[in-house]
Amino acid sequence: MVARALHHVSLNVDDVAPAVEFYEALGFRKVPRPDLGFDGAWMTLHGAGELHLLGFAPPEAMGQHFAVQVDDLDAALAELATHGIAPARTGEIAGICRQAFLEDPSGNEVELNQPL
């Protein structure tokens, strides 16, 4: 079997509401979620897969993250700054991409990636 597309990524978050606000600032939008018996939210990024936020304690950070592509990293960071969101670190992989790493309110890492 060959995968066709990424369907969703699940992240544990301490508190769902602030996590939803953080991901909305990145451009994600909530979509309907069935009652699964625990707190959570489902979100999508322009219909290209989903992010499932699960209301459970996140695991220890050990480098795990997911990345979203941006056209202009500087403009993205300027817009996020208006929401009080700043990168934990930035960098560049020569000839490949510019990167900024953010942490959501639960400490999950999200990379903004601008291809070069």
Protein backbone atom coordinates (compact mmCIF):
# COMPACT_ATOMS: atom_id res chain seq x y z
CA MET A 1 0.00 0.00 0.00
CA VAL A 2 1.24 3.48 -0.84
CA ALA A 3 0.13 6.48 1.22
CA ARG A 4 -1.74 9.15 -0.71
CA ALA A 5 -1.59 12.06 1.71
CA LEU A 6 -1.12 12.97 5.35
CA HIS A 7 -4.57 12.70 6.95
CA HIS A 8 -3.92 14.18 10.40
CA VAL A 9 -1.41 14.78 13.16
CA SER A 10 -2.47 14.39 16.80
CA LEU A 11 -0.94 16.45 19.58
CA ASN A 12 -1.55 16.25 23.30
CA VAL A 13 -2.22 19.64 24.87
CA ASP A 14 -2.66 20.59 28.54
CA ASP A 15 -5.51 23.01 27.81
CA VAL A 16 -7.45 22.85 24.55
CA ALA A 17 -8.75 26.45 24.39
CA PRO A 18 -5.35 28.24 24.42
CA ALA A 19 -4.01 25.65 21.96
CA VAL A 20 -6.89 26.38 19.57
CA GLU A 21 -6.12 30.13 19.78
CA PHE A 22 -2.42 29.46 19.05
CA TYR A 23 -3.15 27.30 16.00
CA GLU A 24 -5.79 29.74 14.74
CA ALA A 25 -3.07 32.42 14.77
CA LEU A 26 -1.04 30.11 12.50
CA GLY A 27 -3.97 29.82 10.06
CA PHE A 28 -5.67 26.61 11.23
CA ARG A 29 -9.47 26.59 11.50
CA LYS A 30 -11.70 24.40 13.68
CA VAL A 31 -13.75 21.70 11.99
CA PRO A 32 -16.53 19.57 13.49
CA ARG A 33 -15.40 16.88 15.93
CA PRO A 34 -17.54 14.06 17.27
CA ASP A 35 -17.86 13.50 21.02
CA LEU A 36 -15.01 11.12 21.74
CA GLY A 37 -15.39 11.14 25.51
CA PHE A 38 -12.45 13.48 26.18
CA ASP A 39 -11.64 17.13 25.54
CA GLY A 40 -10.12 18.04 22.20
CA ALA A 41 -10.49 19.89 18.93
CA TRP A 42 -10.01 19.11 15.26
CA MET A 43 -8.51 21.76 13.00
CA THR A 44 -7.53 22.04 9.34
CA LEU A 45 -5.01 24.11 7.43
CA HIS A 46 -6.67 25.15 4.16
CA GLY A 47 -8.26 21.71 3.84
CA ALA A 48 -4.87 20.00 3.52
CA GLY A 49 -5.06 17.49 6.35
CA GLU A 50 -6.02 17.97 9.95
CA LEU A 51 -4.50 18.69 13.33
CA HIS A 52 -6.19 16.84 16.19
CA LEU A 53 -5.66 18.40 19.61
CA LEU A 54 -6.13 15.91 22.45
CA GLY A 55 -6.78 17.10 26.00
CA PHE A 56 -4.05 15.03 27.65
CA ALA A 57 -0.63 15.89 29.10
CA PRO A 58 1.96 16.21 26.32
CA PRO A 59 5.02 13.96 26.31
CA GLU A 60 8.49 15.24 27.13
CA ALA A 61 9.94 17.39 24.34
CA MET A 62 12.78 15.54 22.66
CA GLY A 63 12.90 17.24 19.26
CA GLN A 64 9.58 16.00 17.90
CA HIS A 65 7.76 18.62 15.87
CA PHE A 66 5.80 19.19 12.70
CA ALA A 67 6.39 21.87 10.08
CA VAL A 68 4.16 24.15 8.07
CA GLN A 69 5.37 25.87 4.93
CA VAL A 70 5.26 29.66 4.66
CA ASP A 71 5.96 31.89 1.66
CA ASP A 72 7.68 34.67 3.64
CA LEU A 73 9.11 33.78 7.05
CA ASP A 74 9.70 37.40 8.07
CA ALA A 75 6.10 38.38 7.25
CA ALA A 76 4.77 35.31 9.07
CA LEU A 77 6.78 36.13 12.19
CA ALA A 78 5.65 39.77 12.08
CA GLU A 79 2.00 38.68 11.91
CA LEU A 80 2.44 36.17 14.74
CA ALA A 81 4.07 38.87 16.88
CA THR A 82 0.73 40.72 16.83
CA HIS A 83 -0.68 37.66 18.65
CA GLY A 84 2.18 37.65 21.18
CA ILE A 85 3.84 34.64 19.51
CA ALA A 86 7.62 34.72 19.07
CA PRO A 87 9.99 32.02 17.84
CA ALA A 88 12.06 30.05 20.35
CA ARG A 89 14.82 29.90 17.73
CA THR A 90 15.42 30.53 14.04
CA GLY A 91 17.87 29.09 11.55
CA GLU A 92 18.68 28.27 7.98
CA ILE A 93 19.72 25.15 6.15
CA ALA A 94 21.92 26.60 3.39
CA GLY A 95 20.29 26.33 -0.01
CA ILE A 96 17.25 24.51 1.37
CA CYS A 97 15.13 26.56 3.77
CA ARG A 98 14.80 29.19 6.48
CA GLN A 99 13.18 28.00 9.71
CA ALA A 100 11.56 29.37 12.83
CA PHE A 101 10.57 27.13 15.72
CA LEU A 102 7.59 28.04 17.89
CA GLU A 103 6.14 26.41 20.98
CA ASP A 104 2.41 26.10 21.48
CA PRO A 105 1.00 26.80 24.98
CA SER A 106 1.67 23.15 25.96
CA GLY A 107 5.29 23.18 24.75
CA ASN A 108 4.72 21.31 21.48
CA GLU A 109 7.15 22.52 18.82
CA VAL A 110 5.98 23.79 15.43
CA GLU A 111 8.38 24.71 12.65
CA LEU A 112 7.65 27.45 10.12
CA ASN A 113 9.57 26.52 6.97
CA GLN A 114 10.32 28.85 4.04
CA PRO A 115 11.90 26.96 1.14
CA LEU A 116 14.77 28.76 -0.55
